[in-house]
């Protein structure tokens, strides 16, 4: 069975030949692994035989001019394509440039502040071929080339299909995209005080997602699933109430998810935080699978499998804290969760977020356990 077949079956809640696997190591993690013997001339996706590989990244920005305001030995202050003034701390200890940093920038100021600002900028959100970049999973941490000519993109797509790995279209859903333009606190306040503005914002960005996807399908771009970045939760629950989700966001989720379901494209939704409130709502809205099921936020795939395993595929939940401790802790974490999560299919192995620096020996051991206990 190929990686494409394996992931497709699992995300549709079926039983493949074994549990699929993939991961997103931090750049700092890869630097450590290179020092510990990971070959530099072999892509990590190939070395670990991950079932997910190529992806199609979408530029959903406002396409405003970028500008550097301050560049010192310690930080970089810049205006990004959404008009957000960001301060990035530089990675002295690793030698990584700012754009490869796994640290989150500190946002100093936002261009979008009022309904008038939105009206002046929303026409910039239009689907176009130069909104797409083709990269291998994980390589987008190095920056993206959206201006690459279509013939070169098509060649990458052809090469990707030949690998027979699962390929994803990566998109932001309306909430997770838009709070990054406004600031999260301000956007949440507007969801309460200016719901009509929020509906217009969600309408415009929903239409962009659907038009861009139709453009790609019209260009015969093949992808196996769609990944939605959609952080609607934090460690204690959702950022907004379930009734507010139903009123403001769910209608747009349902439109988007229905579009992909009608085309038989599996939907993998990503939200950090505790998913006790969010998961049943997202299932109702139409997702096929949820990741990363952060263990440190109280999620346990063994519990979620019993509650929702017949309605949604589950991805992740392997606690990165435990994976760093040594073989006894790794065995306990991986085997106890894997044996429950794999029952009846519909599970994909990966960490409960992304993979911070840990020993290559530890990670290899975790994958050995997946090979042994993940067979059907």
Protein backbone atom coordinates (compact mmCIF):
# COMPACT_ATOMS: atom_id res chain seq x y z
CA UNK A 1 0.00 0.00 0.00
CA UNK A 2 1.36 3.45 -0.90
CA UNK A 3 1.56 6.41 1.44
CA UNK A 4 -1.16 8.10 -0.61
CA UNK A 5 -3.47 5.12 -0.23
CA UNK A 6 -2.65 4.66 3.46
CA UNK A 7 -3.34 8.29 4.43
CA UNK A 8 -6.47 8.51 2.29
CA UNK A 9 -7.98 5.43 3.91
CA UNK A 10 -7.09 6.56 7.45
CA UNK A 11 -8.44 10.10 6.98
CA UNK A 12 -11.69 8.56 5.75
CA UNK A 13 -11.79 6.60 9.00
CA UNK A 14 -10.89 3.31 7.37
CA UNK A 15 -8.33 0.60 8.05
CA UNK A 16 -5.10 0.68 5.99
CA UNK A 17 -2.30 -1.91 6.18
CA UNK A 18 -0.64 0.00 9.02
CA UNK A 19 -1.02 3.27 10.90
CA UNK A 20 0.20 6.12 8.66
CA UNK A 21 2.87 8.47 10.02
CA UNK A 22 4.27 11.92 9.36
CA UNK A 23 5.93 14.70 11.35
CA UNK A 24 7.02 18.33 11.25
CA UNK A 25 10.39 18.68 13.03
CA UNK A 26 11.56 22.15 14.01
CA UNK A 27 14.60 23.42 12.16
CA UNK A 28 16.48 23.26 15.46
CA UNK A 29 15.49 19.59 15.71
CA UNK A 30 16.89 18.84 12.27
CA UNK A 31 20.14 20.64 13.11
CA UNK A 32 20.51 18.41 16.17
CA UNK A 33 19.69 15.29 14.18
CA UNK A 34 22.28 16.14 11.54
CA UNK A 35 24.86 16.24 14.32
CA UNK A 36 23.59 12.85 15.54
CA UNK A 37 23.76 11.09 12.18
CA UNK A 38 20.76 12.10 10.09
CA UNK A 39 22.02 12.20 6.48
CA UNK A 40 22.02 15.73 5.10
CA UNK A 41 21.60 14.51 1.51
CA UNK A 42 18.35 12.62 2.21
CA UNK A 43 15.11 14.50 2.81
CA UNK A 44 13.66 13.69 6.27
CA UNK A 45 10.36 12.69 4.65
CA UNK A 46 12.23 10.02 2.69
CA UNK A 47 14.54 8.98 5.51
CA UNK A 48 11.67 8.28 7.90
CA UNK A 49 9.35 7.04 5.12
CA UNK A 50 6.59 9.47 6.06
CA UNK A 51 3.29 8.90 4.29
CA UNK A 52 2.65 12.61 3.75
CA UNK A 53 4.99 14.64 1.59
CA UNK A 54 4.31 17.37 -0.97
CA UNK A 55 2.00 20.26 -0.17
CA UNK A 56 0.56 23.29 -1.88
CA UNK A 57 0.95 26.43 0.21
CA UNK A 58 -1.45 29.30 -0.46
CA UNK A 59 -0.65 32.99 -0.05
CA UNK A 60 -3.81 34.29 1.66
CA UNK A 61 -2.23 37.62 2.57
CA UNK A 62 -3.39 41.13 1.70
CA UNK A 63 -0.30 41.39 -0.53
CA UNK A 64 0.79 44.67 0.99
CA UNK A 65 4.40 45.79 0.42
CA UNK A 66 6.85 44.27 2.89
CA UNK A 67 9.35 46.60 4.54
CA UNK A 68 12.20 46.27 7.02
CA UNK A 69 12.04 48.96 9.70
CA UNK A 70 14.94 47.89 11.93
CA UNK A 71 17.61 45.18 11.62
CA UNK A 72 20.00 44.64 14.55
CA UNK A 73 22.15 41.79 15.80
CA UNK A 74 19.33 40.72 18.13
CA UNK A 75 16.08 41.33 16.27
CA UNK A 76 14.38 42.30 13.05
CA UNK A 77 11.35 44.62 12.90
CA UNK A 78 9.39 44.45 9.66
CA UNK A 79 6.00 45.10 8.13
CA UNK A 80 4.61 41.91 6.62
CA UNK A 81 2.23 41.41 3.67
CA UNK A 82 -0.78 41.89 5.95
CA UNK A 83 0.43 45.26 7.20
CA UNK A 84 1.37 43.84 10.61
CA UNK A 85 4.49 45.26 12.24
CA UNK A 86 6.39 42.23 13.59
CA UNK A 87 9.44 41.94 15.83
CA UNK A 88 11.43 38.73 15.28
CA UNK A 89 14.16 37.64 17.66
CA UNK A 90 17.14 36.22 15.81
CA UNK A 91 18.38 32.71 16.46
CA UNK A 92 21.93 33.25 17.68
CA UNK A 93 22.34 29.79 19.17
CA UNK A 94 21.45 27.96 15.95
CA UNK A 95 22.62 30.37 13.31
CA UNK A 96 19.18 30.31 11.72
CA UNK A 97 18.00 33.47 9.97
CA UNK A 98 14.82 35.08 11.22
CA UNK A 99 12.50 33.50 8.64
CA UNK A 100 13.51 30.01 9.74
CA UNK A 101 12.90 30.71 13.40
CA UNK A 102 10.34 28.55 15.18
CA UNK A 103 9.73 31.39 17.61
CA UNK A 104 6.54 33.42 17.24
CA UNK A 105 7.04 37.09 16.38
CA UNK A 106 5.81 39.84 18.67
CA UNK A 107 3.19 41.87 16.79
CA UNK A 108 3.58 45.57 17.47
CA UNK A 109 0.85 47.15 15.33
CA UNK A 110 -1.92 46.21 12.88
CA UNK A 111 -3.07 48.03 9.73
CA UNK A 112 -6.63 46.70 9.99
CA UNK A 113 -8.36 48.36 12.93
CA UNK A 114 -11.80 49.51 11.77
CA UNK A 115 -14.57 48.63 9.34
CA UNK A 116 -13.30 51.49 7.16
CA UNK A 117 -9.84 49.88 7.04
CA UNK A 118 -11.43 46.59 5.99
CA UNK A 119 -13.44 48.25 3.23
CA UNK A 120 -10.25 49.83 1.89
CA UNK A 121 -8.31 46.55 1.81
CA UNK A 122 -10.71 43.65 1.17
CA UNK A 123 -10.54 43.93 -2.63
CA UNK A 124 -6.90 42.81 -2.39
CA UNK A 125 -8.06 39.28 -1.48
CA UNK A 126 -8.37 37.72 -4.92
CA UNK A 127 -7.57 34.24 -6.19
CA UNK A 128 -4.68 34.07 -8.68
CA UNK A 129 -2.07 31.50 -9.84
CA UNK A 130 0.72 33.39 -8.07
CA UNK A 131 -1.00 32.65 -4.77
CA UNK A 132 0.31 29.05 -4.78
CA UNK A 133 3.73 27.56 -3.99
CA UNK A 134 4.64 23.87 -4.30
CA UNK A 135 6.97 22.54 -1.58
CA UNK A 136 7.71 19.34 0.30
CA UNK A 137 6.11 19.00 3.74
CA UNK A 138 8.21 20.95 6.23
CA UNK A 139 10.26 22.85 3.64
CA UNK A 140 7.92 25.85 3.85
CA UNK A 141 9.76 26.80 7.04
CA UNK A 142 12.55 27.99 4.73
CA UNK A 143 10.38 30.51 2.90
CA UNK A 144 8.19 30.20 -0.19
CA UNK A 145 8.54 31.06 -3.87
CA UNK A 146 5.07 32.05 -5.06
CA UNK A 147 6.51 33.66 -8.21
CA UNK A 148 7.93 30.39 -9.56
CA UNK A 149 6.65 29.87 -13.14
CA UNK A 150 3.77 27.44 -13.61
CA UNK A 151 5.84 25.01 -15.74
CA UNK A 152 8.26 24.62 -12.81
CA UNK A 153 5.35 24.16 -10.41
CA UNK A 154 3.83 21.52 -12.68
CA UNK A 155 7.13 19.64 -12.77
CA UNK A 156 7.23 19.61 -8.97
CA UNK A 157 3.65 18.32 -8.93
CA UNK A 158 4.55 15.58 -11.45
CA UNK A 159 7.53 14.54 -9.31
CA UNK A 160 5.39 14.57 -6.20
CA UNK A 161 2.71 12.34 -7.72
CA UNK A 162 5.40 9.86 -8.73
CA UNK A 163 6.44 9.46 -5.07
CA UNK A 164 2.96 8.10 -4.29
CA UNK A 165 2.83 10.01 -1.04
CA UNK A 166 -0.20 11.92 0.27
CA UNK A 167 -0.26 15.55 -0.95
CA UNK A 168 -2.07 18.38 0.84
CA UNK A 169 -3.48 21.76 -0.06
CA UNK A 170 -2.78 24.00 2.95
CA UNK A 171 -5.23 26.79 3.73
CA UNK A 172 -6.28 29.02 6.61
CA UNK A 173 -9.96 28.90 7.48
CA UNK A 174 -11.70 32.28 8.01
CA UNK A 175 -11.22 32.79 11.76
CA UNK A 176 -7.58 31.72 12.04
CA UNK A 177 -6.68 33.74 8.98
CA UNK A 178 -8.37 36.96 9.99
CA UNK A 179 -7.39 37.36 13.61
CA UNK A 180 -3.79 37.47 12.39
CA UNK A 181 -4.65 40.60 10.42
CA UNK A 182 -6.44 42.37 13.28
CA UNK A 183 -4.89 40.98 16.46
CA UNK A 184 -6.66 38.24 18.37
CA UNK A 185 -8.11 40.28 21.23
CA UNK A 186 -9.44 42.98 18.90
CA UNK A 187 -10.92 40.42 16.54
CA UNK A 188 -12.70 38.58 19.37
CA UNK A 189 -14.13 41.88 20.61
CA UNK A 190 -15.41 42.63 17.11
CA UNK A 191 -17.07 39.20 16.95
CA UNK A 192 -19.19 40.36 19.90
CA UNK A 193 -19.67 44.04 19.06
CA UNK A 194 -19.62 44.11 15.24
CA UNK A 195 -21.05 40.78 14.01
CA UNK A 196 -22.06 42.19 10.61
CA UNK A 197 -18.46 43.25 9.95
CA UNK A 198 -17.26 39.79 10.94
CA UNK A 199 -19.77 38.15 8.58
CA UNK A 200 -18.46 40.26 5.72
CA UNK A 201 -14.87 39.37 6.62
CA UNK A 202 -15.73 35.66 6.73
CA UNK A 203 -17.71 35.91 3.48
CA UNK A 204 -14.83 37.50 1.55
CA UNK A 205 -12.22 35.05 2.84
CA UNK A 206 -14.53 32.05 2.33
CA UNK A 207 -15.12 33.10 -1.26
CA UNK A 208 -11.33 33.40 -1.74
CA UNK A 209 -10.77 29.82 -0.51
CA UNK A 210 -13.40 28.40 -2.85
CA UNK A 211 -12.34 30.44 -5.89
CA UNK A 212 -8.66 29.63 -5.40
CA UNK A 213 -9.41 25.92 -5.09
CA UNK A 214 -11.59 26.01 -8.22
CA UNK A 215 -8.72 27.73 -10.03
CA UNK A 216 -6.32 24.95 -9.05
CA UNK A 217 -8.76 22.21 -9.99
CA UNK A 218 -9.31 23.97 -13.31
CA UNK A 219 -5.54 23.89 -13.86
CA UNK A 220 -5.65 20.10 -13.24
CA UNK A 221 -3.61 20.45 -10.04
CA UNK A 222 -3.93 17.16 -8.16
CA UNK A 223 -3.95 17.04 -4.38
CA UNK A 224 -5.18 14.27 -2.11
CA UNK A 225 -6.54 16.25 0.83
CA UNK A 226 -6.95 19.72 2.27
CA UNK A 227 -5.40 20.93 5.54
CA UNK A 228 -7.09 23.83 7.31
CA UNK A 229 -5.17 25.84 9.88
CA UNK A 230 -7.98 26.77 12.25
CA UNK A 231 -6.90 27.51 15.82
CA UNK A 232 -10.26 28.12 17.48
CA UNK A 233 -9.24 26.77 20.89
CA UNK A 234 -6.65 27.20 23.65
CA UNK A 235 -5.76 25.14 26.72
CA UNK A 236 -9.08 25.71 28.53
CA UNK A 237 -11.48 25.48 25.59
CA UNK A 238 -12.68 27.57 22.65
CA UNK A 239 -11.78 31.24 22.20
CA UNK A 240 -15.49 31.98 21.80
CA UNK A 241 -18.65 30.23 22.92
CA UNK A 242 -20.29 27.36 21.00
CA UNK A 243 -23.38 29.54 20.35
CA UNK A 244 -21.15 32.23 18.82
CA UNK A 245 -19.44 29.59 16.70
CA UNK A 246 -22.82 28.41 15.42
CA UNK A 247 -23.96 31.94 14.69
CA UNK A 248 -20.86 33.45 13.08
CA UNK A 249 -18.36 30.83 11.93
CA UNK A 250 -20.14 27.51 11.41
CA UNK A 251 -22.09 28.64 8.30
CA UNK A 252 -18.82 29.45 6.53
CA UNK A 253 -17.16 26.24 7.72
CA UNK A 254 -20.11 24.28 6.37
CA UNK A 255 -19.87 25.99 2.97
CA UNK A 256 -16.15 25.32 2.71
CA UNK A 257 -16.25 21.74 4.00
CA UNK A 258 -19.24 20.90 1.80
CA UNK A 259 -17.28 22.11 -1.25
CA UNK A 260 -14.48 19.63 -0.57
CA UNK A 261 -16.77 16.80 0.48
CA UNK A 262 -18.69 17.11 -2.79
CA UNK A 263 -15.37 16.59 -4.58
CA UNK A 264 -14.41 13.63 -2.36
CA UNK A 265 -11.38 15.46 -0.91
CA UNK A 266 -10.63 14.56 2.76
CA UNK A 267 -10.59 17.50 5.19
CA UNK A 268 -7.90 17.60 7.89
CA UNK A 269 -8.57 20.39 10.39
CA UNK A 270 -5.89 21.71 12.73
CA UNK A 271 -6.64 23.44 16.02
CA UNK A 272 -4.42 23.75 19.04
CA UNK A 273 -5.84 23.68 22.55
CA UNK A 274 -8.44 21.58 24.34
CA UNK A 275 -10.98 20.24 21.82
CA UNK A 276 -13.74 19.04 24.14
CA UNK A 277 -16.07 21.85 23.01
CA UNK A 278 -14.76 22.26 19.47
CA UNK A 279 -14.63 18.68 18.20
CA UNK A 280 -18.36 17.84 18.17
CA UNK A 281 -19.05 21.19 16.49
CA UNK A 282 -16.38 20.62 13.84
CA UNK A 283 -17.71 17.13 13.17
CA UNK A 284 -21.16 18.63 12.67
CA UNK A 285 -19.66 21.24 10.34
CA UNK A 286 -18.16 18.48 8.21
CA UNK A 287 -14.47 17.77 8.92
CA UNK A 288 -13.01 14.30 8.28
CA UNK A 289 -10.05 14.44 10.67
CA UNK A 290 -8.63 16.55 13.50
CA UNK A 291 -5.08 17.24 14.62
CA UNK A 292 -2.84 17.69 16.63
CA UNK A 293 -4.79 16.83 19.84
CA UNK A 294 -2.34 18.56 22.20
CA UNK A 295 -1.75 16.31 25.19
CA UNK A 296 -0.63 19.22 27.37
CA UNK A 297 -4.08 20.77 26.90
CA UNK A 298 -5.88 17.76 28.32
CA UNK A 299 -6.65 15.88 25.10
CA UNK A 300 -6.29 12.10 25.21
CA UNK A 301 -6.78 10.14 22.00
CA UNK A 302 -7.84 7.10 24.04
CA UNK A 303 -10.81 9.07 25.40
CA UNK A 304 -11.60 10.83 22.12
CA UNK A 305 -11.55 7.53 20.24
CA UNK A 306 -14.31 6.18 22.45
CA UNK A 307 -16.44 9.30 22.04
CA UNK A 308 -15.93 10.21 18.40
CA UNK A 309 -13.93 7.46 16.71
CA UNK A 310 -16.87 6.34 14.56
CA UNK A 311 -17.36 9.87 13.17
CA UNK A 312 -13.92 11.40 12.72
CA UNK A 313 -10.31 10.36 12.15
CA UNK A 314 -7.83 11.38 14.83
CA UNK A 315 -4.28 12.58 14.14
CA UNK A 316 -1.46 13.03 16.66
CA UNK A 317 -1.63 13.31 20.47
CA UNK A 318 1.83 11.81 21.04
CA UNK A 319 3.12 14.00 23.87
CA UNK A 320 6.43 15.59 22.84
CA UNK A 321 7.39 15.94 26.50
CA UNK A 322 7.22 12.16 26.93
CA UNK A 323 9.04 11.53 23.65
CA UNK A 324 12.05 13.41 25.03
CA UNK A 325 12.37 11.41 28.25
CA UNK A 326 13.79 8.07 27.15
CA UNK A 327 12.72 4.62 26.04
CA UNK A 328 10.55 3.67 29.01
CA UNK A 329 8.47 6.86 28.75
CA UNK A 330 8.34 6.63 24.95
CA UNK A 331 7.13 3.03 25.08
CA UNK A 332 4.42 3.91 27.57
CA UNK A 333 3.26 6.95 25.57
CA UNK A 334 3.30 5.42 22.10
CA UNK A 335 2.07 1.91 22.75
CA UNK A 336 -0.72 2.76 25.20
CA UNK A 337 -2.18 5.36 22.83
CA UNK A 338 -1.50 3.55 19.58
CA UNK A 339 -3.22 0.36 20.65
CA UNK A 340 -6.45 2.26 21.38
CA UNK A 341 -6.31 4.87 18.60
CA UNK A 342 -5.72 2.35 15.79
CA UNK A 343 -8.82 0.26 16.60
CA UNK A 344 -11.17 0.25 13.65
CA UNK A 345 -8.83 2.49 11.67
CA UNK A 346 -8.98 6.26 11.42
CA UNK A 347 -5.73 7.16 13.17
CA UNK A 348 -2.50 8.82 11.96
CA UNK A 349 0.65 8.87 14.09
CA UNK A 350 2.40 12.16 14.79
CA UNK A 351 3.32 14.36 17.74
CA UNK A 352 0.80 16.50 19.58
CA UNK A 353 2.00 19.65 17.81
CA UNK A 354 5.36 19.92 16.05
CA UNK A 355 8.58 18.21 17.03
CA UNK A 356 10.99 20.22 19.25
CA UNK A 357 14.63 19.22 19.67
CA UNK A 358 14.98 15.67 20.98
CA UNK A 359 17.52 12.96 20.33
CA UNK A 360 17.46 11.16 17.01
CA UNK A 361 17.69 7.90 18.96
CA UNK A 362 14.48 8.68 20.81
CA UNK A 363 12.56 9.51 17.66
CA UNK A 364 13.80 6.44 15.84
CA UNK A 365 12.67 4.33 18.77
CA UNK A 366 9.19 5.88 18.64
CA UNK A 367 8.92 4.98 14.95
CA UNK A 368 10.13 1.44 15.68
CA UNK A 369 7.19 1.09 18.06
CA UNK A 370 4.83 2.40 15.40
CA UNK A 371 6.19 -0.21 12.97
CA UNK A 372 5.70 -2.97 15.54
CA UNK A 373 2.36 -2.01 17.09
CA UNK A 374 0.79 -0.08 14.23
CA UNK A 375 0.15 -3.01 11.90
CA UNK A 376 -3.38 -4.17 11.07
